[in-house]
Protein backbone atom coordinates (compact mmCIF):
# COMPACT_ATOMS: atom_id res chain seq x y z
CA MET A 1 -58.13 205.28 7.58
CA PHE A 2 -54.68 206.84 6.74
CA THR A 3 -54.62 208.41 9.35
CA LYS A 4 -55.04 205.38 11.92
CA LEU A 5 -52.86 203.39 9.88
CA LEU A 6 -49.89 206.44 10.09
CA LYS A 7 -51.07 206.57 13.75
CA TYR A 8 -49.75 202.77 14.22
CA ASP A 9 -46.65 203.24 12.50
CA MET A 10 -45.82 206.07 14.48
CA ARG A 11 -46.77 204.28 17.66
CA SER A 12 -45.06 201.25 16.72
CA LEU A 13 -41.34 203.17 15.85
CA LYS A 14 -41.87 205.07 18.92
CA LYS A 15 -41.50 201.98 21.07
CA THR A 16 -37.73 202.15 19.72
CA GLY A 17 -37.30 205.35 18.76
CA VAL A 18 -38.05 206.63 22.61
CA PRO A 19 -35.18 204.10 24.17
CA ILE A 20 -32.86 205.34 21.10
CA LEU A 21 -33.29 208.88 22.29
CA ILE A 22 -33.33 208.31 26.16
CA SER A 23 -29.86 205.86 25.15
CA LEU A 24 -28.46 208.94 23.56
CA LEU A 25 -29.73 211.93 26.30
CA ALA A 26 -27.99 209.66 29.06
CA PHE A 27 -24.92 209.00 27.33
CA THR A 28 -24.92 212.75 25.95
CA VAL A 29 -24.89 213.88 30.13
CA LEU A 30 -22.53 211.04 31.20
CA ALA A 31 -19.77 211.56 28.10
CA THR A 32 -19.46 215.27 28.57
CA VAL A 33 -19.44 215.17 32.22
CA ILE A 34 -16.84 212.58 32.08
CA GLY A 35 -15.04 214.75 29.47
CA TYR A 36 -15.07 217.84 31.63
CA PHE A 37 -13.61 216.58 34.53
CA LEU A 38 -11.33 214.73 32.49
CA MET A 39 -10.25 217.85 30.33
CA GLY A 40 -9.92 219.52 33.29
CA TYR A 41 -7.83 217.28 34.99
CA LEU A 42 -5.35 217.11 32.01
CA ASP A 43 -5.12 220.99 31.85
CA SER A 44 -4.18 220.97 35.53
CA SER A 45 -1.69 218.61 35.04
CA PHE A 46 -0.06 219.97 31.82
CA ASN A 47 0.15 223.19 33.47
CA SER A 48 2.12 221.86 36.63
CA THR A 49 5.24 222.81 37.74
CA THR A 50 6.28 219.57 39.49
CA THR A 51 5.33 216.19 38.08
CA THR A 52 5.67 212.52 39.79
CA ASP A 53 5.94 209.33 37.95
CA LEU A 54 2.35 208.49 39.22
CA GLN A 55 0.98 211.51 38.14
CA GLY A 56 2.72 211.30 34.47
CA ILE A 57 1.27 207.53 34.23
CA LEU A 58 -2.29 209.01 35.19
CA THR A 59 -1.82 211.56 32.48
CA THR A 60 -1.11 209.52 30.20
CA PHE A 61 -4.08 207.00 31.10
CA ALA A 62 -6.42 210.15 31.24
CA SER A 63 -5.36 211.62 28.06
CA LEU A 64 -5.84 208.24 26.12
CA PHE A 65 -9.02 207.42 27.58
CA PHE A 66 -10.36 211.07 26.61
CA PHE A 67 -9.21 210.36 23.23
CA LEU A 68 -10.64 206.57 22.89
CA GLY A 69 -13.97 208.70 24.58
CA LEU A 70 -14.09 210.76 22.09
CA MET A 71 -13.83 208.20 18.84
CA LEU A 72 -16.31 206.08 20.60
CA SER A 73 -18.46 209.14 21.18
CA ILE A 74 -18.90 209.76 17.60
CA VAL A 75 -18.85 206.25 16.23
CA LEU A 76 -22.36 205.70 18.96
CA PHE A 77 -23.80 209.14 17.48
CA SER A 78 -22.95 207.67 14.08
CA VAL A 79 -24.32 204.98 14.57
CA ALA A 80 -27.59 205.69 16.46
CA SER A 81 -29.10 206.98 13.29
CA THR A 82 -28.25 203.78 11.34
CA VAL A 83 -29.72 201.55 13.94
CA MET A 84 -32.71 203.65 13.57
CA LEU A 85 -32.66 203.16 9.93
CA VAL A 86 -32.56 199.87 10.86
CA LEU A 87 -35.39 199.41 12.87
CA VAL A 88 -37.90 201.01 10.28
CA CYS A 89 -36.46 198.83 7.70
CA VAL A 90 -37.42 196.05 10.36
CA HIS A 91 -40.47 197.80 10.86
CA PHE A 92 -41.50 198.03 7.09
CA TYR A 93 -40.41 194.39 6.14
CA LYS A 94 -42.51 192.85 8.81
CA ASN A 95 -45.77 194.96 8.04
CA THR A 96 -45.69 194.12 4.24
CA VAL A 97 -43.70 191.11 3.26
CA SER A 98 -43.71 188.79 6.73
CA ASP A 99 -47.27 187.28 7.51
CA GLU A 100 -48.07 190.42 9.06
CA GLY A 101 -48.63 191.56 5.09
CA TYR A 102 -52.11 189.66 5.28
CA LEU A 103 -53.81 191.96 7.41
CA THR A 104 -51.94 195.46 5.72
CA PHE A 105 -53.08 194.55 2.34
CA THR A 106 -57.00 194.10 3.91
CA LEU A 107 -57.28 197.02 5.30
CA PRO A 108 -59.37 199.53 3.07
CA VAL A 109 -56.28 201.46 2.16
CA LYS A 110 -55.17 201.94 -0.53
CA THR A 111 -51.20 201.00 -1.55
CA SER A 112 -49.97 204.76 -1.71
CA GLU A 113 -51.33 205.34 1.42
CA ILE A 114 -49.35 202.30 2.89
CA ILE A 115 -46.08 203.50 1.29
CA PHE A 116 -46.74 207.19 2.35
CA SER A 117 -47.66 205.73 6.11
CA LYS A 118 -44.34 203.70 6.16
CA LEU A 119 -42.42 206.75 4.54
CA LEU A 120 -43.97 209.83 6.92
CA SER A 121 -43.37 207.68 9.90
CA GLY A 122 -39.61 206.55 8.75
CA PHE A 123 -38.63 209.72 7.78
CA THR A 124 -40.19 211.27 11.28
CA TRP A 125 -38.15 208.57 13.49
CA THR A 126 -34.61 209.01 11.58
CA SER A 127 -34.52 212.77 11.70
CA VAL A 128 -35.73 213.13 15.00
CA ILE A 129 -32.90 210.34 15.99
CA THR A 130 -30.21 211.99 13.37
CA ILE A 131 -30.63 215.79 14.57
CA ALA A 132 -30.54 214.18 18.70
CA SER A 133 -27.72 212.58 17.42
CA VAL A 134 -26.07 215.54 15.70
CA ILE A 135 -26.68 217.63 19.10
CA GLY A 136 -25.38 215.12 21.70
CA MET A 137 -22.07 215.62 19.42
CA VAL A 138 -21.51 219.17 19.66
CA VAL A 139 -22.43 219.19 23.53
CA VAL A 140 -20.22 216.26 24.25
CA PHE A 141 -17.16 217.96 22.25
CA PHE A 142 -17.95 221.65 23.19
CA GLY A 143 -18.97 220.88 26.87
CA SER A 144 -15.72 218.44 27.19
CA MET A 145 -13.64 221.36 26.06
CA LEU A 146 -15.11 223.46 28.30
CA GLY A 147 -13.03 221.67 31.01
CA ASN A 148 -9.98 223.41 29.71
CA GLY A 149 -9.02 226.59 31.04
CA ALA A 150 -7.31 228.00 27.79
CA VAL A 151 -10.28 227.03 25.77
CA SER A 152 -13.09 228.32 28.08
CA ASP A 153 -10.92 231.78 28.28
CA ALA A 154 -10.87 231.78 24.74
CA PHE A 155 -14.59 231.23 23.90
CA GLY A 156 -14.66 234.15 26.51
CA GLU A 157 -11.93 236.29 24.69
CA LEU A 158 -13.78 235.36 21.11
CA GLY A 159 -17.13 237.30 22.12
CA GLU A 160 -14.51 240.10 22.92
CA VAL A 161 -12.75 240.28 19.54
CA LEU A 162 -15.85 239.85 17.07
CA PRO A 163 -16.68 243.50 17.80
CA MET A 164 -13.18 244.29 17.16
CA VAL A 165 -12.82 243.18 13.74
CA PRO A 166 -11.68 246.25 11.11
CA ASP A 167 -14.55 247.92 9.33
CA ALA A 168 -12.63 247.67 6.55
CA VAL A 169 -12.55 243.63 6.57
CA LYS A 170 -16.49 243.81 7.69
CA GLU A 171 -17.42 245.98 4.85
CA LEU A 172 -15.14 243.16 2.52
CA LEU A 173 -17.37 240.58 3.74
CA MET A 174 -20.75 242.73 3.79
CA GLU A 175 -20.12 243.45 0.10
CA GLU A 176 -19.14 239.83 -1.16
CA LEU A 177 -22.86 238.56 1.24
CA ASN A 178 -24.76 241.53 -0.44
CA GLY A 179 -23.38 240.59 -3.84
CA ALA A 180 -24.54 237.25 -3.56
CA ILE A 181 -27.19 237.65 -0.69
CA LEU A 182 -30.24 235.74 -3.13
CA GLY A 183 -27.56 233.11 -4.04
CA VAL A 184 -27.15 232.00 0.14
CA ILE A 185 -30.80 232.24 0.65
CA LEU A 186 -31.11 229.81 -2.25
CA LEU A 187 -28.51 228.23 -1.48
CA ILE A 188 -29.76 227.33 2.30
CA VAL A 189 -33.33 226.54 1.13
CA GLN A 190 -31.72 224.19 -1.47
CA GLY A 191 -29.36 222.18 1.44
CA VAL A 192 -32.25 222.05 3.79
CA PHE A 193 -34.63 220.49 1.09
CA SER A 194 -31.15 218.30 -0.65
CA LEU A 195 -31.44 217.00 3.54
CA ILE A 196 -35.10 215.69 3.28
CA VAL A 197 -34.99 214.66 -0.47
CA MET A 198 -31.76 212.64 0.62
CA SER A 199 -33.51 211.00 3.32
CA VAL A 200 -36.82 209.97 1.68
CA PHE A 201 -34.28 208.72 -1.45
CA ASN A 202 -33.14 206.70 0.93
CA LEU A 203 -36.01 205.29 2.32
CA LEU A 204 -37.78 204.53 -0.86
CA LEU A 205 -34.76 202.54 -2.17
CA MET A 206 -34.60 200.35 0.94
CA TYR A 207 -38.29 199.92 0.58
CA THR A 208 -38.52 198.98 -2.64
CA ALA A 209 -35.29 196.28 -2.13
CA ILE A 210 -36.85 195.10 0.88
CA PHE A 211 -40.23 194.47 -0.67
CA PHE A 212 -38.58 193.06 -3.90
CA GLY A 213 -36.58 190.30 -1.77
CA GLY A 214 -40.16 189.38 -0.63
CA VAL A 215 -41.50 189.26 -4.44
CA ILE A 216 -38.43 187.28 -5.90
CA THR A 217 -38.85 184.46 -3.63
CA LYS A 218 -41.38 182.18 -1.47
CA LYS A 219 -39.23 180.80 1.12
CA ASN A 220 -36.27 182.45 3.25
CA LYS A 221 -37.94 186.01 1.94
CA GLY A 222 -36.15 187.73 5.39
CA ILE A 223 -32.36 186.65 3.73
CA ALA A 224 -33.76 187.64 -0.13
CA ALA A 225 -34.89 191.20 1.46
CA VAL A 226 -31.47 191.57 3.12
CA GLY A 227 -29.32 190.58 0.10
CA CYS A 228 -31.67 192.86 -2.15
CA VAL A 229 -30.70 196.10 0.39
CA ILE A 230 -27.22 195.20 0.16
CA GLY A 231 -27.23 195.02 -3.52
CA ALA A 232 -29.11 198.38 -3.67
CA ASN A 233 -26.98 199.97 -1.34
CA THR A 234 -23.94 198.86 -3.65
CA LEU A 235 -25.18 200.11 -6.44
CA LEU A 236 -26.08 203.68 -4.98
CA SER A 237 -22.17 203.40 -3.58
CA LEU A 238 -21.34 202.96 -7.45
CA PHE A 239 -23.96 205.79 -8.49
CA SER A 240 -23.07 208.24 -5.95
CA SER A 241 -19.38 208.05 -7.07
CA ILE A 242 -20.02 208.23 -10.56
CA PHE A 243 -22.06 211.38 -10.16
CA SER A 244 -19.91 213.03 -8.26
CA MET A 245 -17.28 212.90 -10.75
CA VAL A 246 -19.74 214.07 -12.95
CA LEU A 247 -20.48 217.06 -10.59
CA MET A 248 -16.38 217.57 -9.97
CA PRO A 249 -15.67 220.39 -13.10
CA LEU A 250 -17.82 223.02 -11.65
CA MET A 251 -15.48 223.21 -8.07
CA PHE A 252 -12.67 224.20 -10.57
CA THR A 253 -15.16 227.37 -11.90
CA ILE A 254 -14.85 229.14 -8.82
CA ASN A 255 -12.93 232.87 -8.87
CA SER A 256 -15.31 234.38 -6.05
CA PHE A 257 -17.60 234.11 -3.28
CA GLY A 258 -20.47 234.82 -6.02
CA ASP A 259 -19.11 231.69 -7.93
CA MET A 260 -18.55 229.20 -5.21
CA VAL A 261 -22.27 230.36 -4.22
CA THR A 262 -23.60 229.93 -7.67
CA SER A 263 -21.67 225.94 -8.05
CA ASN A 264 -23.21 225.04 -5.30
CA ASN A 265 -26.43 226.07 -6.19
CA ILE A 266 -26.05 224.21 -9.66
CA THR A 267 -25.09 221.23 -7.47
CA LEU A 268 -27.69 220.96 -5.37
CA PHE A 269 -29.81 221.60 -7.50
CA VAL A 270 -28.90 218.73 -10.04
CA THR A 271 -28.42 216.54 -6.86
CA ASN A 272 -31.93 217.46 -5.73
CA LEU A 273 -33.40 216.50 -9.38
CA VAL A 274 -31.65 213.37 -9.98
CA TYR A 275 -32.11 211.79 -6.43
CA GLY A 276 -35.89 212.87 -7.35
CA GLY A 277 -36.46 211.37 -9.92
CA VAL A 278 -34.85 208.35 -8.69
CA ALA A 279 -36.85 208.39 -5.60
CA VAL A 280 -40.27 208.57 -7.88
CA GLY A 281 -38.93 206.26 -9.77
CA CYS A 282 -38.67 203.90 -6.76
CA TYR A 283 -42.39 204.90 -5.38
CA PHE A 284 -44.20 203.60 -8.78
CA LEU A 285 -42.00 200.63 -8.45
CA LEU A 286 -42.97 199.65 -5.46
CA LYS A 287 -46.28 201.08 -5.82
CA HIS A 288 -46.76 198.61 -8.65
CA MET A 289 -44.63 195.51 -6.93
CA MET A 290 -47.58 196.26 -3.95
CA ASP A 291 -50.44 196.06 -6.61
CA LYS A 292 -49.35 193.69 -8.85
CA LYS A 293 -46.91 191.34 -7.71
CA LEU A 294 -47.87 190.72 -4.26
CA ASN A 295 -46.14 187.36 -2.35
CA LEU A 296 -48.18 186.35 0.72
CA ASN A 297 -48.00 182.55 0.03
């Protein structure tokens, strides 16, 4: 039954996730093409020996349009993952707090399976949209920059210069890397794990806040849920600021590359431990409310 529940959640989120993905793809292609030709035009204008007043005006507008377009692209790509997170939260609210909750909680599944189904489907789709946004942002930026002849040539020259790096520099870099190779590998593993922990933590925090909003009131549950989410995010921001200040002294103990790797490993370990622990607490609180405080009247 859990498999069917997960399939339903994935299919439901797919109805909003796929259009967002298609929109991101279309915007990436359009923005990259426009950025490429704008950069090419600006490159030819700046390298032109003769400049008319009209050309100067067009160059100014092209520069402004390129800059605003680049800023807009960054905003849109950044907002896409947030929009997906909001849609995931709305889906959770409808399935567990609104009238649909009657159907959800009469299914022959445990509350833990309901939570894991919502968590896994939400994590999958928010991760997909986030990865697509990052890739799109990189493609738009570098694709646009290639329109500039100097930048394009620089990329080509970079491939020729790298093999010419002095052996002494290579040996120094390899010596530093080899001296902390295990630390670097652990840092990469912890970094990936940290992204997963933070994503799961964020989802569980939102789910707990939404359900708590539905528990504390019988009317205007949607407003209560939104208020609880805002409150939870406010507390999260305050907690994150204090937590960052506590860990800051670690950054002043760096004397070498090995120290930097060790410091970052300790920071990530403590971060994963704390946020992972809070995520587990949110899970048990949410499960307790679903088992004992269900409010669907």
